[in-house]
């Protein structure tokens, strides 16, 4: 039986474990962390077997198992490569790699070995994203013309982030978060939805900046603000904004000929999807202030309770990979999709103030909706 194992037992690993508990049929085989104390504490908390070294971890896994790569972003490519070379499928936390050369190397290696290589985030498989996708396909708001997507998290450098601790006792990795930057950490939450709905991004016109250079008392930071205009192959244009400076705003609005589709909470699988029809009132054009809530007709997926800022089932991605393997089909989050998501995200992250338009070199098709959202 294909099983899951975890490398990286930090803050996010607890969110995966709480989510995996909603899928009792999934077997967890082994965990490893380069910090032995952290790894043992995590394994003890969740009653899992701990491998003391990476070599021991890899040697213990049968070819064809799935590894969740939850290491620090700077280690993603190195760890994923080691797993692929041992014949293991890999589901990587975002980003797939911090540079495109490494991402392409992983893509080519997975293809050569006939293995799956998939990338988080998996909220695109969640109920809110799938409901919005169904409304777009059905033309609820008419032809989509423009998308506004916001991933502003508030003035995080002033938050009490040193007090944020996971369920098994791991601190929030603020040094990594500030070093990697909010674009690589967060853009994927809505960028994945947009690629799923509209397919490949043809061109990125973006800017990014490090507005608060000393966010963590001497830790070198990445851009804490970015804004991108995305030109999709099929004509839709989207504006995506990320920051840990601007007031909290997690809306996505799809603007069509008949009105606006809106979701207000990116990190909530059960967030309401509403349609605000356009109307004329006393010679004034406006969208109806009370949107009609749109719902899918049947059951969707297991939900998890809110933990900190999120109410997302992080297991949807690994379970999609396991299901794809058992059904001998492509994984929705793997292959060309994962590579394209990585390229667009890096283009936004590294735009600075003078890069200008960037033509994308990768591509992918729109994502097949989940069976319960068709």
Protein backbone atom coordinates (compact mmCIF):
# COMPACT_ATOMS: atom_id res chain seq x y z
CA UNK A 1 0.00 0.00 0.00
CA UNK A 2 1.31 3.45 -0.93
CA UNK A 3 1.98 5.41 2.25
CA UNK A 4 3.00 8.95 3.18
CA UNK A 5 6.13 9.98 5.03
CA UNK A 6 7.18 13.47 6.13
CA UNK A 7 10.52 15.29 5.95
CA UNK A 8 10.42 18.50 7.97
CA UNK A 9 8.60 18.50 11.32
CA UNK A 10 8.23 22.25 11.83
CA UNK A 11 5.27 24.56 12.23
CA UNK A 12 3.35 23.58 9.08
CA UNK A 13 3.76 19.84 9.68
CA UNK A 14 1.24 20.00 12.52
CA UNK A 15 -1.31 21.56 10.17
CA UNK A 16 -0.81 18.64 7.79
CA UNK A 17 -1.20 16.12 10.61
CA UNK A 18 -4.43 17.67 11.84
CA UNK A 19 -5.71 17.62 8.25
CA UNK A 20 -4.56 14.05 7.56
CA UNK A 21 -6.63 12.95 10.56
CA UNK A 22 -9.72 13.67 8.43
CA UNK A 23 -8.59 10.91 6.04
CA UNK A 24 -8.24 7.88 8.35
CA UNK A 25 -7.45 5.53 5.46
CA UNK A 26 -4.14 7.32 4.74
CA UNK A 27 -1.16 5.47 6.19
CA UNK A 28 1.73 7.45 7.67
CA UNK A 29 4.99 5.51 7.63
CA UNK A 30 7.88 7.64 8.88
CA UNK A 31 9.05 11.18 9.73
CA UNK A 32 12.44 12.92 9.73
CA UNK A 33 13.81 16.33 10.65
CA UNK A 34 17.42 17.51 10.57
CA UNK A 35 16.82 18.83 14.11
CA UNK A 36 16.59 15.54 15.99
CA UNK A 37 14.98 17.10 19.08
CA UNK A 38 12.28 18.74 16.98
CA UNK A 39 11.71 15.55 14.99
CA UNK A 40 11.39 13.38 18.09
CA UNK A 41 9.02 15.85 19.75
CA UNK A 42 6.81 15.83 16.64
CA UNK A 43 6.93 12.03 16.32
CA UNK A 44 6.11 11.60 20.01
CA UNK A 45 3.19 14.04 19.84
CA UNK A 46 1.61 12.26 16.86
CA UNK A 47 2.76 8.73 17.77
CA UNK A 48 4.87 8.27 14.62
CA UNK A 49 8.16 6.54 13.88
CA UNK A 50 11.17 8.87 13.64
CA UNK A 51 14.24 8.36 11.42
CA UNK A 52 17.38 9.92 12.89
CA UNK A 53 19.08 10.65 9.55
CA UNK A 54 18.03 11.40 5.98
CA UNK A 55 19.85 8.28 4.79
CA UNK A 56 17.94 6.13 7.29
CA UNK A 57 14.69 7.79 6.24
CA UNK A 58 15.22 7.15 2.52
CA UNK A 59 16.50 3.61 3.04
CA UNK A 60 13.38 2.69 5.03
CA UNK A 61 10.88 3.71 2.34
CA UNK A 62 9.81 1.40 -0.47
CA UNK A 63 9.93 2.79 -4.03
CA UNK A 64 6.60 4.29 -5.01
CA UNK A 65 5.79 5.79 -1.61
CA UNK A 66 4.94 9.49 -1.33
CA UNK A 67 7.09 11.96 0.63
CA UNK A 68 5.74 15.25 1.92
CA UNK A 69 8.62 17.72 1.68
CA UNK A 70 7.86 20.21 4.46
CA UNK A 71 11.43 21.45 4.93
CA UNK A 72 12.57 25.06 4.82
CA UNK A 73 12.12 26.58 1.33
CA UNK A 74 15.87 26.78 0.74
CA UNK A 75 16.06 22.98 1.14
CA UNK A 76 13.06 22.08 -1.02
CA UNK A 77 14.98 21.33 -4.21
CA UNK A 78 17.78 19.38 -2.53
CA UNK A 79 15.40 17.19 -0.50
CA UNK A 80 12.98 16.63 -3.38
CA UNK A 81 15.86 15.56 -5.61
CA UNK A 82 17.09 13.05 -3.03
CA UNK A 83 13.61 11.56 -2.74
CA UNK A 84 13.08 11.35 -6.50
CA UNK A 85 16.45 9.66 -6.95
CA UNK A 86 15.29 7.00 -4.47
CA UNK A 87 12.17 6.31 -6.54
CA UNK A 88 9.75 8.24 -4.32
CA UNK A 89 6.90 10.48 -5.43
CA UNK A 90 7.17 13.98 -3.93
CA UNK A 91 4.59 16.49 -2.74
CA UNK A 92 6.46 19.69 -1.95
CA UNK A 93 5.40 22.64 0.11
CA UNK A 94 5.62 25.88 -1.83
CA UNK A 95 7.74 26.92 -3.57
CA UNK A 96 8.74 23.88 -5.59
CA UNK A 97 12.19 25.52 -5.80
CA UNK A 98 13.57 28.98 -5.17
CA UNK A 99 15.01 29.23 -8.70
CA UNK A 100 13.77 27.94 -12.05
CA UNK A 101 16.91 25.99 -12.89
CA UNK A 102 16.33 23.81 -9.85
CA UNK A 103 12.61 23.54 -10.59
CA UNK A 104 13.31 22.37 -14.16
CA UNK A 105 15.86 19.88 -12.88
CA UNK A 106 13.24 18.36 -10.56
CA UNK A 107 10.64 18.33 -13.33
CA UNK A 108 13.01 16.55 -15.72
CA UNK A 109 14.13 14.07 -13.06
CA UNK A 110 10.55 13.16 -12.11
CA UNK A 111 9.65 12.71 -15.77
CA UNK A 112 12.69 10.53 -16.46
CA UNK A 113 11.86 8.30 -13.50
CA UNK A 114 8.10 8.26 -14.17
CA UNK A 115 7.37 9.76 -10.75
CA UNK A 116 4.88 12.37 -9.59
CA UNK A 117 6.19 15.75 -8.45
CA UNK A 118 3.46 18.01 -7.08
CA UNK A 119 3.37 21.39 -5.41
CA UNK A 120 1.32 23.05 -2.70
CA UNK A 121 -0.86 24.95 -2.08
CA UNK A 122 -3.85 22.63 -2.34
CA UNK A 123 -6.62 25.07 -1.39
CA UNK A 124 -7.48 25.11 -5.11
CA UNK A 125 -8.99 21.66 -4.46
CA UNK A 126 -11.12 23.04 -1.62
CA UNK A 127 -14.82 23.79 -1.63
CA UNK A 128 -14.61 27.58 -2.02
CA UNK A 129 -12.18 27.43 -4.95
CA UNK A 130 -14.13 24.67 -6.66
CA UNK A 131 -17.44 26.50 -6.17
CA UNK A 132 -15.99 29.65 -7.71
CA UNK A 133 -14.59 27.60 -10.59
CA UNK A 134 -17.98 26.04 -11.28
CA UNK A 135 -19.61 29.49 -11.34
CA UNK A 136 -17.00 30.71 -13.85
CA UNK A 137 -17.50 27.69 -16.11
CA UNK A 138 -21.28 28.09 -16.00
CA UNK A 139 -21.08 31.78 -16.89
CA UNK A 140 -22.87 32.93 -13.74
CA UNK A 141 -21.28 36.39 -14.03
CA UNK A 142 -21.09 36.26 -17.82
CA UNK A 143 -17.76 36.27 -19.62
CA UNK A 144 -14.94 36.89 -17.10
CA UNK A 145 -13.00 40.00 -18.06
CA UNK A 146 -10.88 40.98 -15.05
CA UNK A 147 -9.85 39.51 -11.70
CA UNK A 148 -8.74 41.36 -8.57
CA UNK A 149 -7.03 39.13 -5.99
CA UNK A 150 -5.67 40.38 -2.66
CA UNK A 151 -3.35 38.58 -0.24
CA UNK A 152 -2.56 41.35 2.22
CA UNK A 153 -1.87 40.02 5.72
CA UNK A 154 -1.72 43.15 7.83
CA UNK A 155 1.39 44.73 9.37
CA UNK A 156 2.95 41.37 10.31
CA UNK A 157 6.33 42.76 11.51
CA UNK A 158 4.48 44.29 14.48
CA UNK A 159 2.54 41.10 15.29
CA UNK A 160 3.55 38.94 18.31
CA UNK A 161 4.89 36.28 15.95
CA UNK A 162 7.50 35.04 18.42
CA UNK A 163 4.61 33.74 20.52
CA UNK A 164 3.11 31.68 17.66
CA UNK A 165 3.66 28.00 18.42
CA UNK A 166 2.29 24.91 16.68
CA UNK A 167 0.40 22.04 18.28
CA UNK A 168 3.53 19.95 18.92
CA UNK A 169 5.56 22.96 20.09
CA UNK A 170 7.28 24.24 16.94
CA UNK A 171 7.73 28.03 16.76
CA UNK A 172 6.51 29.96 13.72
CA UNK A 173 9.64 30.16 11.52
CA UNK A 174 9.69 33.94 11.22
CA UNK A 175 13.28 34.10 9.99
CA UNK A 176 12.42 31.85 7.03
CA UNK A 177 9.13 33.64 6.43
CA UNK A 178 10.81 37.05 6.22
CA UNK A 179 13.82 35.72 4.29
CA UNK A 180 11.68 33.93 1.69
CA UNK A 181 9.04 36.67 1.47
CA UNK A 182 5.28 36.85 1.32
CA UNK A 183 5.12 36.38 -2.46
CA UNK A 184 6.75 32.94 -2.48
CA UNK A 185 4.83 32.04 0.69
CA UNK A 186 1.38 33.35 -0.25
CA UNK A 187 0.90 34.23 -3.93
CA UNK A 188 0.17 30.61 -4.76
CA UNK A 189 -3.04 30.63 -2.74
CA UNK A 190 -4.82 32.65 -5.43
CA UNK A 191 -2.41 32.13 -8.30
CA UNK A 192 -3.20 28.41 -8.16
CA UNK A 193 -6.92 29.19 -8.44
CA UNK A 194 -6.38 31.49 -11.42
CA UNK A 195 -4.24 28.96 -13.31
CA UNK A 196 -6.81 26.26 -12.54
CA UNK A 197 -9.63 28.38 -14.01
CA UNK A 198 -7.90 30.11 -16.91
CA UNK A 199 -4.87 27.99 -17.77
CA UNK A 200 -1.41 29.35 -18.45
CA UNK A 201 -0.14 32.86 -17.79
CA UNK A 202 1.40 34.26 -20.96
CA UNK A 203 2.96 37.44 -19.57
CA UNK A 204 3.69 38.91 -16.13
CA UNK A 205 4.09 42.64 -15.53
CA UNK A 206 5.03 43.03 -11.87
CA UNK A 207 6.84 45.08 -9.24
CA UNK A 208 8.09 44.10 -5.80
CA UNK A 209 9.75 45.95 -2.95
CA UNK A 210 11.21 45.47 0.52
CA UNK A 211 9.31 48.22 2.30
CA UNK A 212 10.38 47.29 5.84
CA UNK A 213 14.03 46.22 5.49
CA UNK A 214 14.66 45.28 9.14
CA UNK A 215 11.59 43.18 9.77
CA UNK A 216 13.26 40.69 12.10
CA UNK A 217 16.09 42.55 13.80
CA UNK A 218 18.97 41.79 11.47
CA UNK A 219 17.46 38.97 9.40
CA UNK A 220 17.78 39.83 5.71
CA UNK A 221 14.33 40.09 4.23
CA UNK A 222 12.80 39.47 0.82
CA UNK A 223 10.18 41.75 -0.75
CA UNK A 224 7.26 42.28 1.61
CA UNK A 225 5.07 43.77 -1.12
CA UNK A 226 4.39 42.75 -4.69
CA UNK A 227 1.77 43.53 -7.29
CA UNK A 228 1.39 41.77 -10.62
CA UNK A 229 -0.75 42.07 -13.70
CA UNK A 230 -1.17 38.61 -15.23
CA UNK A 231 -2.07 38.14 -18.88
CA UNK A 232 -3.56 34.69 -19.48
CA UNK A 233 -3.40 32.84 -22.79
CA UNK A 234 -7.16 32.85 -23.11
CA UNK A 235 -7.60 36.59 -22.64
CA UNK A 236 -8.43 37.09 -18.96
CA UNK A 237 -6.36 39.65 -17.07
CA UNK A 238 -5.80 39.48 -13.31
CA UNK A 239 -4.20 41.76 -10.75
CA UNK A 240 -2.63 39.96 -7.79
CA UNK A 241 -1.31 41.83 -4.74
CA UNK A 242 0.69 40.34 -1.84
CA UNK A 243 1.98 42.10 1.25
CA UNK A 244 2.65 41.77 4.96
CA UNK A 245 2.22 45.52 5.30
CA UNK A 246 -1.22 46.43 3.93
CA UNK A 247 -4.38 45.94 6.04
CA UNK A 248 -5.69 42.39 6.03
CA UNK A 249 -7.62 41.68 2.83
CA UNK A 250 -8.02 38.22 1.30
CA UNK A 251 -10.67 38.90 -1.34
CA UNK A 252 -10.82 37.58 -4.86
CA UNK A 253 -13.27 39.17 -7.29
CA UNK A 254 -14.01 37.86 -10.77
CA UNK A 255 -15.56 40.66 -12.80
CA UNK A 256 -17.80 39.60 -15.66
CA UNK A 257 -20.35 41.06 -18.06
CA UNK A 258 -23.26 40.34 -15.70
CA UNK A 259 -21.70 41.16 -12.33
CA UNK A 260 -19.04 40.10 -9.84
CA UNK A 261 -18.19 36.76 -8.21
CA UNK A 262 -16.53 37.23 -4.83
CA UNK A 263 -14.82 35.21 -2.09
CA UNK A 264 -13.54 37.07 0.96
CA UNK A 265 -11.43 34.43 2.71
CA UNK A 266 -8.59 32.73 0.83
CA UNK A 267 -7.60 30.48 3.73
CA UNK A 268 -11.05 29.08 4.52
CA UNK A 269 -12.17 26.05 2.51
CA UNK A 270 -15.82 26.70 3.33
CA UNK A 271 -15.76 30.45 2.57
CA UNK A 272 -18.90 31.84 0.97
CA UNK A 273 -18.87 32.35 -2.80
CA UNK A 274 -21.28 35.11 -3.75
CA UNK A 275 -22.58 36.56 -7.00
CA UNK A 276 -23.32 40.31 -7.03
CA UNK A 277 -25.42 40.97 -10.13
CA UNK A 278 -25.04 44.27 -11.92
CA UNK A 279 -28.04 46.59 -12.09
CA UNK A 280 -29.09 50.16 -12.78
CA UNK A 281 -30.75 52.08 -9.96
CA UNK A 282 -31.88 55.68 -10.51
CA UNK A 283 -29.53 56.04 -13.48
CA UNK A 284 -26.65 54.66 -11.42
CA UNK A 285 -24.82 51.48 -12.43
CA UNK A 286 -23.88 49.28 -9.47
CA UNK A 287 -23.41 45.73 -8.21
CA UNK A 288 -26.07 44.45 -5.84
CA UNK A 289 -24.73 44.97 -2.29
CA UNK A 290 -26.11 41.63 -1.07
CA UNK A 291 -24.64 38.86 -3.15
CA UNK A 292 -26.41 35.59 -3.78
CA UNK A 293 -24.54 32.73 -2.16
CA UNK A 294 -23.59 29.95 -4.55
CA UNK A 295 -23.32 26.35 -3.33
CA UNK A 296 -22.40 23.01 -4.77
CA UNK A 297 -25.19 20.47 -4.87
CA UNK A 298 -23.64 17.64 -2.84
CA UNK A 299 -20.94 16.70 -0.32
CA UNK A 300 -17.41 17.94 -0.99
CA UNK A 301 -14.48 17.08 1.28
CA UNK A 302 -13.67 16.84 5.00
CA UNK A 303 -13.25 20.19 6.75
CA UNK A 304 -10.88 21.15 9.55
CA UNK A 305 -11.36 23.68 12.31
CA UNK A 306 -9.63 27.03 12.34
CA UNK A 307 -6.04 26.94 13.55
CA UNK A 308 -4.52 30.41 13.75
CA UNK A 309 -5.25 32.29 10.52
CA UNK A 310 -6.34 29.27 8.47
CA UNK A 311 -9.20 26.79 8.19
CA UNK A 312 -7.75 24.79 5.30
CA UNK A 313 -7.45 21.06 4.89
CA UNK A 314 -3.77 20.72 4.00
CA UNK A 315 -4.24 17.02 3.25
CA UNK A 316 -6.27 17.63 0.09
CA UNK A 317 -3.08 17.77 -1.98
CA UNK A 318 -1.38 14.61 -0.69
CA UNK A 319 -4.69 12.72 -0.89
CA UNK A 320 -5.14 13.92 -4.49
CA UNK A 321 -1.69 12.49 -5.26
CA UNK A 322 -2.48 9.16 -3.59
CA UNK A 323 -5.79 8.96 -5.42
CA UNK A 324 -4.16 9.78 -8.76
CA UNK A 325 -1.60 7.03 -8.19
CA UNK A 326 -4.28 4.49 -7.33
CA UNK A 327 -6.34 5.50 -10.39
CA UNK A 328 -3.30 5.65 -12.68
CA UNK A 329 -4.08 9.21 -13.81
CA UNK A 330 -2.27 12.58 -13.72
CA UNK A 331 -2.30 14.45 -10.42
CA UNK A 332 -4.05 17.83 -10.59
CA UNK A 333 -1.19 19.57 -8.75
CA UNK A 334 1.74 17.93 -10.52
CA UNK A 335 3.90 18.12 -13.62
CA UNK A 336 3.46 21.14 -15.93
CA UNK A 337 1.05 22.81 -13.49
CA UNK A 338 3.58 22.77 -10.63
CA UNK A 339 6.39 24.06 -12.86
CA UNK A 340 4.26 26.86 -14.29
CA UNK A 341 3.05 27.93 -10.86
CA UNK A 342 6.67 28.14 -9.75
CA UNK A 343 7.76 30.23 -12.74
CA UNK A 344 4.96 32.79 -12.41
CA UNK A 345 5.53 33.12 -8.65
CA UNK A 346 9.27 33.69 -9.08
CA UNK A 347 8.61 36.26 -11.82
CA UNK A 348 6.51 38.28 -9.38
CA UNK A 349 8.92 37.85 -6.47
CA UNK A 350 12.00 39.02 -8.36
CA UNK A 351 10.38 41.80 -10.40
CA UNK A 352 11.80 44.66 -8.34
CA UNK A 353 11.15 48.13 -9.76
CA UNK A 354 12.63 47.82 -13.25
CA UNK A 355 12.13 44.31 -14.67
CA UNK A 356 9.23 45.16 -16.94
CA UNK A 357 7.17 42.61 -18.85
CA UNK A 358 8.23 38.96 -18.52
CA UNK A 359 7.15 36.32 -21.03
CA UNK A 360 6.60 32.94 -19.40
CA UNK A 361 8.48 29.96 -20.82
CA UNK A 362 6.33 27.23 -19.24
CA UNK A 363 2.68 26.43 -19.78
CA UNK A 364 -0.16 24.20 -18.55
CA UNK A 365 -3.81 23.52 -19.20
CA UNK A 366 -6.69 24.61 -16.99
CA UNK A 367 -7.28 22.15 -14.15
CA UNK A 368 -9.88 19.41 -14.29
CA UNK A 369 -12.47 20.23 -11.58
CA UNK A 370 -13.00 17.89 -8.68
CA UNK A 371 -15.66 15.22 -9.39
CA UNK A 372 -18.07 16.78 -6.89
CA UNK A 373 -17.74 20.24 -8.54
CA UNK A 374 -18.46 19.39 -12.17
